[in-house]
Amino acid sequence: MRPAEKLSITLPSEMADFIRQKVDSGLYASNSEIIREALRGMMERERRLERLDTAIARGLADAEAGRVQDIDQMRTELRDSFTNGPEHFPV
């Protein structure tokens, strides 16, 4: 783990009260713990959005290059693979 750095932040009263309530309830040990958890959630959300953006860009590039498949054909192939087993699913 990297060394910790001390930061001073200013929050609206509503947010500060929320943090105090969570610490007072015993759910969190400190204000810092709440902020760290919130930031971890934010970082994870950003990672997921980056992966989604990458997948969308890849899908759009595939569509522009003509690498697409008809949805009805895909449904039929999926239905057949469940009915006949995965060995009948085209690769």
Protein backbone atom coordinates (compact mmCIF):
# COMPACT_ATOMS: atom_id res chain seq x y z
CA MET A 1 0.00 0.00 0.00
CA ARG A 2 1.28 3.46 -0.86
CA PRO A 3 1.98 5.92 1.94
CA ALA A 4 -1.01 7.94 3.07
CA GLU A 5 -1.27 11.65 2.45
CA LYS A 6 -3.24 14.03 4.59
CA LEU A 7 -5.69 16.28 2.75
CA SER A 8 -7.99 18.97 4.03
CA ILE A 9 -11.40 19.13 2.34
CA THR A 10 -14.44 21.34 2.65
CA LEU A 11 -17.88 19.75 2.41
CA PRO A 12 -21.41 21.10 2.48
CA SER A 13 -23.01 20.72 5.92
CA GLU A 14 -25.35 18.02 4.63
CA MET A 15 -22.44 15.83 3.54
CA ALA A 16 -20.46 16.47 6.72
CA ASP A 17 -23.53 15.53 8.80
CA PHE A 18 -23.95 12.36 6.76
CA ILE A 19 -20.35 11.36 7.43
CA ARG A 20 -20.68 12.07 11.16
CA GLN A 21 -23.88 9.99 11.34
CA LYS A 22 -22.17 7.02 9.70
CA VAL A 23 -19.19 7.20 12.05
CA ASP A 24 -21.46 7.71 15.10
CA SER A 25 -23.51 4.66 14.09
CA GLY A 26 -20.38 2.52 14.23
CA LEU A 27 -20.69 1.54 10.58
CA TYR A 28 -17.37 3.27 9.88
CA ALA A 29 -14.41 3.80 12.17
CA SER A 30 -13.48 7.24 10.85
CA ASN A 31 -14.31 10.02 8.42
CA SER A 32 -11.34 8.92 6.33
CA GLU A 33 -12.72 5.40 6.02
CA ILE A 34 -15.95 6.74 4.52
CA ILE A 35 -14.09 8.96 2.05
CA ARG A 36 -11.81 6.08 1.02
CA GLU A 37 -14.79 3.80 0.39
CA ALA A 38 -16.56 6.49 -1.63
CA LEU A 39 -13.45 7.08 -3.73
CA ARG A 40 -12.93 3.35 -4.32
CA GLY A 41 -16.52 3.17 -5.60
CA MET A 42 -15.94 6.16 -7.85
CA MET A 43 -12.72 4.66 -9.21
CA GLU A 44 -14.45 1.33 -9.90
CA ARG A 45 -17.31 3.11 -11.69
CA GLU A 46 -14.77 4.93 -13.89
CA ARG A 47 -13.01 1.63 -14.71
CA ARG A 48 -16.34 0.10 -15.71
CA LEU A 49 -17.22 3.10 -17.86
CA GLU A 50 -13.84 2.88 -19.59
CA ARG A 51 -14.45 -0.81 -20.36
CA LEU A 52 -17.93 0.04 -21.65
CA ASP A 53 -16.55 2.84 -23.84
CA THR A 54 -13.96 0.41 -25.24
CA ALA A 55 -16.62 -2.22 -25.96
CA ILE A 56 -18.87 0.35 -27.65
CA ALA A 57 -16.00 1.62 -29.80
CA ARG A 58 -15.12 -1.96 -30.77
CA GLY A 59 -18.75 -2.68 -31.64
CA LEU A 60 -19.05 0.45 -33.74
CA ALA A 61 -15.81 -0.38 -35.55
CA ASP A 62 -17.09 -3.90 -36.22
CA ALA A 63 -20.35 -2.51 -37.59
CA GLU A 64 -18.54 -0.03 -39.83
CA ALA A 65 -16.31 -2.84 -41.13
CA GLY A 66 -19.33 -5.02 -41.86
CA ARG A 67 -18.54 -7.52 -39.10
CA VAL A 68 -22.14 -7.86 -37.97
CA GLN A 69 -24.61 -10.69 -37.68
CA ASP A 70 -28.36 -10.66 -38.15
CA ILE A 71 -30.16 -10.75 -34.79
CA ASP A 72 -32.72 -13.29 -35.98
CA GLN A 73 -29.92 -15.61 -37.12
CA MET A 74 -28.22 -15.22 -33.74
CA ARG A 75 -31.44 -16.08 -31.89
CA THR A 76 -31.92 -19.17 -34.02
CA GLU A 77 -28.33 -20.30 -33.43
CA LEU A 78 -28.62 -19.73 -29.68
CA ARG A 79 -31.93 -21.57 -29.50
CA ASP A 80 -30.43 -24.45 -31.50
CA SER A 81 -27.38 -24.60 -29.23
CA PHE A 82 -29.58 -24.93 -26.15
CA THR A 83 -31.75 -27.54 -27.85
CA ASN A 84 -29.00 -29.59 -29.51
CA GLY A 85 -26.09 -28.87 -27.19
CA PRO A 86 -23.13 -26.52 -27.54
CA GLU A 87 -21.35 -28.77 -30.04
CA HIS A 88 -23.94 -27.64 -32.64
CA PHE A 89 -23.26 -23.96 -32.07
CA PRO A 90 -21.30 -22.42 -34.93
CA VAL A 91 -18.00 -20.88 -33.90
